[in-house]
Amino acid sequence: MNWLRRWFARPDPAAAFAENRSALLEAFLNAARATGKPRGLTWAAVEPAGEPTFVRAAGRTLALWPVTVQFEVLPGSALEDVPHATVPRPVVAMFVFDGRAWRTDGKAVFNLSVDDVIRRL
């Protein structure tokens, strides 16, 4: 009967995030890279730039994690001659808790702080 309780027990979202930080960061990088945005750049690396903030919005538990993104210019793109294109940029990476685990589709909010994103939710 204990296995049944464990099976149906809801994990703590913050603890689940803390246990999987590096895997979540890698999942975010891969998902963001797959979006093809921003055009002419590819996501080269993502580094944490602070601690995640957990919020409830629209019935979902979200993690908003400030990160710094390093881009590389794609050969032949219009950005090849723009030196500013490869400057590391701060973004807010978004994650959604599905009740058992964290997921990401690579959604990144540029030009806003975590507090700004929360106000807009």
N, C-alpha and C. Protein backbone atom coordinates (compact mmCIF):
# COMPACT_ATOMS: atom_id res chain seq x y z
N MET A 1 0.81 -1.19 0.00
CA MET A 1 0.00 0.00 0.00
C MET A 1 0.86 1.27 0.00
N ASN A 2 2.06 1.19 0.60
CA ASN A 2 2.94 2.36 0.59
C ASN A 2 3.37 2.73 -0.82
N TRP A 3 3.59 1.74 -1.67
CA TRP A 3 3.98 2.03 -3.05
C TRP A 3 2.87 2.79 -3.76
N LEU A 4 1.62 2.51 -3.40
CA LEU A 4 0.49 3.20 -4.01
C LEU A 4 0.47 4.66 -3.59
N ARG A 5 0.73 4.93 -2.33
CA ARG A 5 0.79 6.32 -1.85
C ARG A 5 1.92 7.08 -2.52
N ARG A 6 3.08 6.43 -2.64
CA ARG A 6 4.21 7.07 -3.31
C ARG A 6 3.90 7.33 -4.78
N TRP A 7 3.20 6.40 -5.42
CA TRP A 7 2.87 6.55 -6.84
C TRP A 7 1.97 7.76 -7.07
N PHE A 8 0.99 7.96 -6.19
CA PHE A 8 0.03 9.06 -6.35
C PHE A 8 0.44 10.34 -5.64
N ALA A 9 1.51 10.29 -4.87
CA ALA A 9 1.97 11.48 -4.16
C ALA A 9 2.47 12.52 -5.16
N ARG A 10 2.13 13.75 -4.93
CA ARG A 10 2.58 14.85 -5.80
C ARG A 10 3.93 15.35 -5.27
N PRO A 11 4.94 15.36 -6.13
CA PRO A 11 6.24 15.87 -5.69
C PRO A 11 6.20 17.38 -5.47
N ASP A 12 7.08 17.84 -4.63
CA ASP A 12 7.23 19.27 -4.40
C ASP A 12 7.89 19.89 -5.63
N PRO A 13 7.23 20.86 -6.28
CA PRO A 13 7.80 21.43 -7.50
C PRO A 13 9.21 22.01 -7.32
N ALA A 14 9.42 22.75 -6.24
CA ALA A 14 10.74 23.36 -6.03
C ALA A 14 11.82 22.29 -5.83
N ALA A 15 11.50 21.25 -5.08
CA ALA A 15 12.46 20.17 -4.86
C ALA A 15 12.74 19.43 -6.16
N ALA A 16 11.70 19.18 -6.95
CA ALA A 16 11.88 18.50 -8.23
C ALA A 16 12.74 19.33 -9.17
N PHE A 17 12.58 20.65 -9.13
CA PHE A 17 13.40 21.52 -9.97
C PHE A 17 14.86 21.47 -9.52
N ALA A 18 15.07 21.58 -8.21
CA ALA A 18 16.43 21.58 -7.67
C ALA A 18 17.16 20.28 -8.01
N GLU A 19 16.45 19.16 -8.02
CA GLU A 19 17.07 17.87 -8.30
C GLU A 19 17.51 17.73 -9.76
N ASN A 20 16.90 18.51 -10.64
CA ASN A 20 17.13 18.33 -12.07
C ASN A 20 17.62 19.59 -12.77
N ARG A 21 18.25 20.49 -12.07
CA ARG A 21 18.65 21.78 -12.66
C ARG A 21 19.47 21.64 -13.94
N SER A 22 20.49 20.82 -13.92
CA SER A 22 21.35 20.73 -15.11
C SER A 22 20.60 20.10 -16.28
N ALA A 23 19.78 19.09 -16.02
CA ALA A 23 19.00 18.47 -17.09
C ALA A 23 17.97 19.44 -17.64
N LEU A 24 17.37 20.24 -16.76
CA LEU A 24 16.39 21.23 -17.21
C LEU A 24 17.05 22.32 -18.05
N LEU A 25 18.23 22.73 -17.65
CA LEU A 25 18.95 23.74 -18.42
C LEU A 25 19.29 23.21 -19.82
N GLU A 26 19.71 21.97 -19.88
CA GLU A 26 20.03 21.33 -21.17
C GLU A 26 18.76 21.18 -22.02
N ALA A 27 17.65 20.78 -21.38
CA ALA A 27 16.38 20.65 -22.11
C ALA A 27 15.93 21.99 -22.66
N PHE A 28 16.11 23.05 -21.86
CA PHE A 28 15.74 24.39 -22.32
C PHE A 28 16.59 24.79 -23.53
N LEU A 29 17.90 24.58 -23.45
CA LEU A 29 18.80 24.93 -24.55
C LEU A 29 18.40 24.20 -25.83
N ASN A 30 18.14 22.91 -25.73
CA ASN A 30 17.77 22.12 -26.91
C ASN A 30 16.43 22.57 -27.49
N ALA A 31 15.45 22.83 -26.62
CA ALA A 31 14.14 23.26 -27.09
C ALA A 31 14.21 24.65 -27.71
N ALA A 32 14.97 25.56 -27.10
CA ALA A 32 15.10 26.92 -27.63
C ALA A 32 15.84 26.88 -28.97
N ARG A 33 16.86 26.07 -29.05
CA ARG A 33 17.62 25.93 -30.30
C ARG A 33 16.71 25.43 -31.42
N ALA A 34 15.79 24.52 -31.09
CA ALA A 34 14.89 23.93 -32.09
C ALA A 34 13.85 24.92 -32.63
N THR A 35 13.61 26.01 -31.91
CA THR A 35 12.61 26.98 -32.38
C THR A 35 13.08 27.74 -33.61
N GLY A 36 14.39 27.85 -33.80
CA GLY A 36 14.92 28.60 -34.93
C GLY A 36 14.87 30.11 -34.72
N LYS A 37 14.58 30.52 -33.52
CA LYS A 37 14.51 31.95 -33.20
C LYS A 37 15.64 32.29 -32.24
N PRO A 38 16.19 33.45 -32.32
CA PRO A 38 15.99 34.49 -33.32
C PRO A 38 16.64 34.11 -34.65
N ARG A 39 16.06 34.59 -35.71
CA ARG A 39 16.50 34.26 -37.05
C ARG A 39 17.95 34.70 -37.25
N GLY A 40 18.74 33.85 -37.86
CA GLY A 40 20.14 34.17 -38.17
C GLY A 40 21.11 33.82 -37.06
N LEU A 41 20.57 33.34 -35.92
CA LEU A 41 21.42 32.98 -34.78
C LEU A 41 21.09 31.56 -34.33
N THR A 42 22.06 30.92 -33.71
CA THR A 42 21.80 29.64 -33.07
C THR A 42 22.19 29.75 -31.60
N TRP A 43 21.48 29.04 -30.75
CA TRP A 43 21.74 29.05 -29.32
C TRP A 43 22.99 28.21 -29.05
N ALA A 44 24.06 28.85 -28.61
CA ALA A 44 25.31 28.15 -28.38
C ALA A 44 25.43 27.63 -26.95
N ALA A 45 25.02 28.45 -25.98
CA ALA A 45 25.16 28.06 -24.57
C ALA A 45 24.18 28.84 -23.71
N VAL A 46 23.84 28.25 -22.57
CA VAL A 46 22.96 28.90 -21.59
C VAL A 46 23.57 28.67 -20.22
N GLU A 47 23.69 29.74 -19.46
CA GLU A 47 24.23 29.67 -18.09
C GLU A 47 23.24 30.30 -17.11
N PRO A 48 23.06 29.73 -15.93
CA PRO A 48 22.19 30.35 -14.93
C PRO A 48 22.71 31.73 -14.55
N ALA A 49 21.79 32.65 -14.33
CA ALA A 49 22.16 34.01 -13.91
C ALA A 49 21.41 34.40 -12.65
N GLY A 50 20.95 33.41 -11.91
CA GLY A 50 20.19 33.64 -10.69
C GLY A 50 19.41 32.39 -10.35
N GLU A 51 18.56 32.52 -9.38
CA GLU A 51 17.75 31.40 -8.92
C GLU A 51 16.36 31.46 -9.56
N PRO A 52 15.74 30.30 -9.79
CA PRO A 52 14.40 30.30 -10.36
C PRO A 52 13.38 30.85 -9.37
N THR A 53 12.35 31.47 -9.91
CA THR A 53 11.21 31.94 -9.12
C THR A 53 10.01 31.11 -9.53
N PHE A 54 9.29 30.59 -8.54
CA PHE A 54 8.14 29.74 -8.80
C PHE A 54 6.87 30.54 -8.61
N VAL A 55 5.97 30.46 -9.59
CA VAL A 55 4.71 31.22 -9.53
C VAL A 55 3.58 30.33 -10.03
N ARG A 56 2.35 30.69 -9.60
CA ARG A 56 1.14 30.06 -10.12
C ARG A 56 0.46 31.07 -11.01
N ALA A 57 0.16 30.66 -12.23
CA ALA A 57 -0.53 31.53 -13.17
C ALA A 57 -1.41 30.68 -14.07
N ALA A 58 -2.65 31.10 -14.22
CA ALA A 58 -3.61 30.40 -15.08
C ALA A 58 -3.71 28.92 -14.71
N GLY A 59 -3.66 28.63 -13.42
CA GLY A 59 -3.79 27.25 -12.96
C GLY A 59 -2.56 26.38 -13.16
N ARG A 60 -1.45 26.98 -13.54
CA ARG A 60 -0.22 26.22 -13.77
C ARG A 60 0.87 26.70 -12.83
N THR A 61 1.78 25.80 -12.49
CA THR A 61 2.96 26.17 -11.72
C THR A 61 4.08 26.40 -12.72
N LEU A 62 4.67 27.59 -12.66
CA LEU A 62 5.74 27.97 -13.57
C LEU A 62 7.02 28.23 -12.80
N ALA A 63 8.13 27.97 -13.46
CA ALA A 63 9.44 28.37 -12.95
C ALA A 63 9.99 29.38 -13.95
N LEU A 64 10.38 30.53 -13.45
CA LEU A 64 10.98 31.58 -14.26
C LEU A 64 12.43 31.68 -13.83
N TRP A 65 13.33 31.30 -14.71
CA TRP A 65 14.74 31.19 -14.35
C TRP A 65 15.55 32.19 -15.16
N PRO A 66 16.18 33.16 -14.50
CA PRO A 66 17.04 34.08 -15.24
C PRO A 66 18.31 33.36 -15.70
N VAL A 67 18.58 33.46 -16.99
CA VAL A 67 19.76 32.81 -17.58
C VAL A 67 20.44 33.79 -18.52
N THR A 68 21.66 33.47 -18.87
CA THR A 68 22.39 34.24 -19.87
C THR A 68 22.61 33.33 -21.07
N VAL A 69 22.27 33.85 -22.25
CA VAL A 69 22.36 33.08 -23.48
C VAL A 69 23.50 33.60 -24.34
N GLN A 70 24.26 32.68 -24.87
CA GLN A 70 25.31 33.00 -25.83
C GLN A 70 24.85 32.49 -27.19
N PHE A 71 24.85 33.36 -28.18
CA PHE A 71 24.45 32.99 -29.53
C PHE A 71 25.66 32.91 -30.45
N GLU A 72 25.51 32.14 -31.52
CA GLU A 72 26.48 32.13 -32.61
C GLU A 72 25.73 32.52 -33.87
N VAL A 73 26.39 33.27 -34.72
CA VAL A 73 25.79 33.71 -35.98
C VAL A 73 25.85 32.57 -36.98
N LEU A 74 24.72 32.33 -37.64
CA LEU A 74 24.69 31.30 -38.68
C LEU A 74 25.39 31.81 -39.94
N PRO A 75 26.22 31.00 -40.55
CA PRO A 75 26.92 31.42 -41.78
C PRO A 75 25.91 31.83 -42.86
N GLY A 76 26.19 32.94 -43.51
CA GLY A 76 25.33 33.42 -44.58
C GLY A 76 24.16 34.26 -44.13
N SER A 77 23.98 34.43 -42.81
CA SER A 77 22.86 35.24 -42.33
C SER A 77 23.19 36.72 -42.41
N ALA A 78 22.18 37.53 -42.32
CA ALA A 78 22.35 38.98 -42.38
C ALA A 78 23.10 39.51 -41.15
N LEU A 79 23.26 38.68 -40.13
CA LEU A 79 23.91 39.13 -38.89
C LEU A 79 25.41 38.85 -38.86
N GLU A 80 25.95 38.30 -39.92
CA GLU A 80 27.38 37.97 -39.93
C GLU A 80 28.28 39.17 -39.64
N ASP A 81 27.89 40.34 -40.07
CA ASP A 81 28.72 41.53 -39.88
C ASP A 81 28.26 42.38 -38.71
N VAL A 82 27.44 41.82 -37.81
CA VAL A 82 26.93 42.56 -36.66
C VAL A 82 27.62 42.02 -35.41
N PRO A 83 28.63 42.73 -34.91
CA PRO A 83 29.38 42.21 -33.76
C PRO A 83 28.52 42.06 -32.50
N HIS A 84 27.51 42.88 -32.38
CA HIS A 84 26.65 42.84 -31.19
C HIS A 84 25.80 41.55 -31.13
N ALA A 85 25.67 40.87 -32.25
CA ALA A 85 24.82 39.67 -32.31
C ALA A 85 25.31 38.55 -31.40
N THR A 86 26.59 38.51 -31.11
CA THR A 86 27.13 37.43 -30.28
C THR A 86 27.37 37.84 -28.82
N VAL A 87 26.93 39.03 -28.45
CA VAL A 87 27.06 39.47 -27.06
C VAL A 87 26.08 38.65 -26.20
N PRO A 88 26.54 38.08 -25.08
CA PRO A 88 25.63 37.32 -24.22
C PRO A 88 24.44 38.17 -23.80
N ARG A 89 23.26 37.53 -23.77
CA ARG A 89 22.02 38.25 -23.47
C ARG A 89 21.31 37.62 -22.29
N PRO A 90 20.78 38.47 -21.40
CA PRO A 90 19.97 37.93 -20.31
C PRO A 90 18.55 37.63 -20.81
N VAL A 91 18.02 36.49 -20.42
CA VAL A 91 16.64 36.12 -20.74
C VAL A 91 16.03 35.42 -19.53
N VAL A 92 14.72 35.30 -19.56
CA VAL A 92 14.01 34.53 -18.54
C VAL A 92 13.53 33.25 -19.22
N ALA A 93 14.04 32.12 -18.76
CA ALA A 93 13.65 30.81 -19.30
C ALA A 93 12.40 30.36 -18.55
N MET A 94 11.43 29.83 -19.30
CA MET A 94 10.17 29.42 -18.70
C MET A 94 10.03 27.90 -18.69
N PHE A 95 9.57 27.38 -17.56
CA PHE A 95 9.33 25.96 -17.37
C PHE A 95 7.94 25.78 -16.78
N VAL A 96 7.28 24.65 -17.08
CA VAL A 96 5.95 24.35 -16.57
C VAL A 96 6.00 23.02 -15.84
N PHE A 97 5.38 22.99 -14.65
CA PHE A 97 5.31 21.76 -13.86
C PHE A 97 4.01 21.04 -14.19
N ASP A 98 4.11 19.79 -14.65
CA ASP A 98 2.91 19.06 -15.07
C ASP A 98 2.29 18.22 -13.95
N GLY A 99 2.73 18.42 -12.73
CA GLY A 99 2.23 17.66 -11.60
C GLY A 99 3.19 16.57 -11.16
N ARG A 100 4.06 16.17 -12.06
CA ARG A 100 5.05 15.13 -11.74
C ARG A 100 6.46 15.57 -12.09
N ALA A 101 6.61 16.36 -13.14
CA ALA A 101 7.95 16.76 -13.60
C ALA A 101 7.88 18.12 -14.29
N TRP A 102 9.03 18.73 -14.43
CA TRP A 102 9.14 20.01 -15.13
C TRP A 102 9.34 19.77 -16.61
N ARG A 103 8.73 20.63 -17.42
CA ARG A 103 8.86 20.57 -18.87
C ARG A 103 9.18 21.97 -19.40
N THR A 104 9.77 22.02 -20.58
CA THR A 104 10.00 23.30 -21.23
C THR A 104 9.83 23.14 -22.73
N ASP A 105 9.33 24.19 -23.35
CA ASP A 105 9.24 24.20 -24.81
C ASP A 105 10.23 25.20 -25.39
N GLY A 106 11.14 25.68 -24.53
CA GLY A 106 12.17 26.61 -24.98
C GLY A 106 11.73 28.06 -25.00
N LYS A 107 10.59 28.36 -24.37
CA LYS A 107 10.12 29.74 -24.36
C LYS A 107 11.07 30.59 -23.52
N ALA A 108 11.54 31.67 -24.14
CA ALA A 108 12.46 32.60 -23.49
C ALA A 108 11.89 34.00 -23.62
N VAL A 109 11.92 34.73 -22.53
CA VAL A 109 11.43 36.11 -22.55
C VAL A 109 12.65 37.03 -22.53
N PHE A 110 12.80 37.78 -23.61
CA PHE A 110 13.92 38.71 -23.74
C PHE A 110 13.50 40.09 -23.23
N ASN A 111 14.47 40.83 -22.75
CA ASN A 111 14.31 42.24 -22.39
C ASN A 111 13.39 42.51 -21.21
N LEU A 112 13.10 41.50 -20.41
CA LEU A 112 12.30 41.68 -19.20
C LEU A 112 12.97 40.96 -18.04
N SER A 113 12.78 41.50 -16.85
CA SER A 113 13.26 40.82 -15.65
C SER A 113 12.20 39.80 -15.22
N VAL A 114 12.55 38.95 -14.27
CA VAL A 114 11.59 37.98 -13.74
C VAL A 114 10.38 38.72 -13.17
N ASP A 115 10.60 39.82 -12.43
CA ASP A 115 9.49 40.58 -11.86
C ASP A 115 8.58 41.14 -12.95
N ASP A 116 9.16 41.61 -14.05
CA ASP A 116 8.36 42.11 -15.17
C ASP A 116 7.52 41.00 -15.78
N VAL A 117 8.09 39.81 -15.93
CA VAL A 117 7.35 38.68 -16.48
C VAL A 117 6.19 38.32 -15.55
N ILE A 118 6.43 38.31 -14.25
CA ILE A 118 5.38 37.99 -13.30
C ILE A 118 4.24 39.00 -13.40
N ARG A 119 4.55 40.27 -13.50
CA ARG A 119 3.51 41.30 -13.63
C ARG A 119 2.68 41.09 -14.89
N ARG A 120 3.29 40.59 -15.95
CA ARG A 120 2.58 40.39 -17.22
C ARG A 120 1.78 39.10 -17.26
N LEU A 121 2.07 38.19 -16.33
CA LEU A 121 1.29 36.94 -16.29
C LEU A 121 -0.09 37.28 -15.79
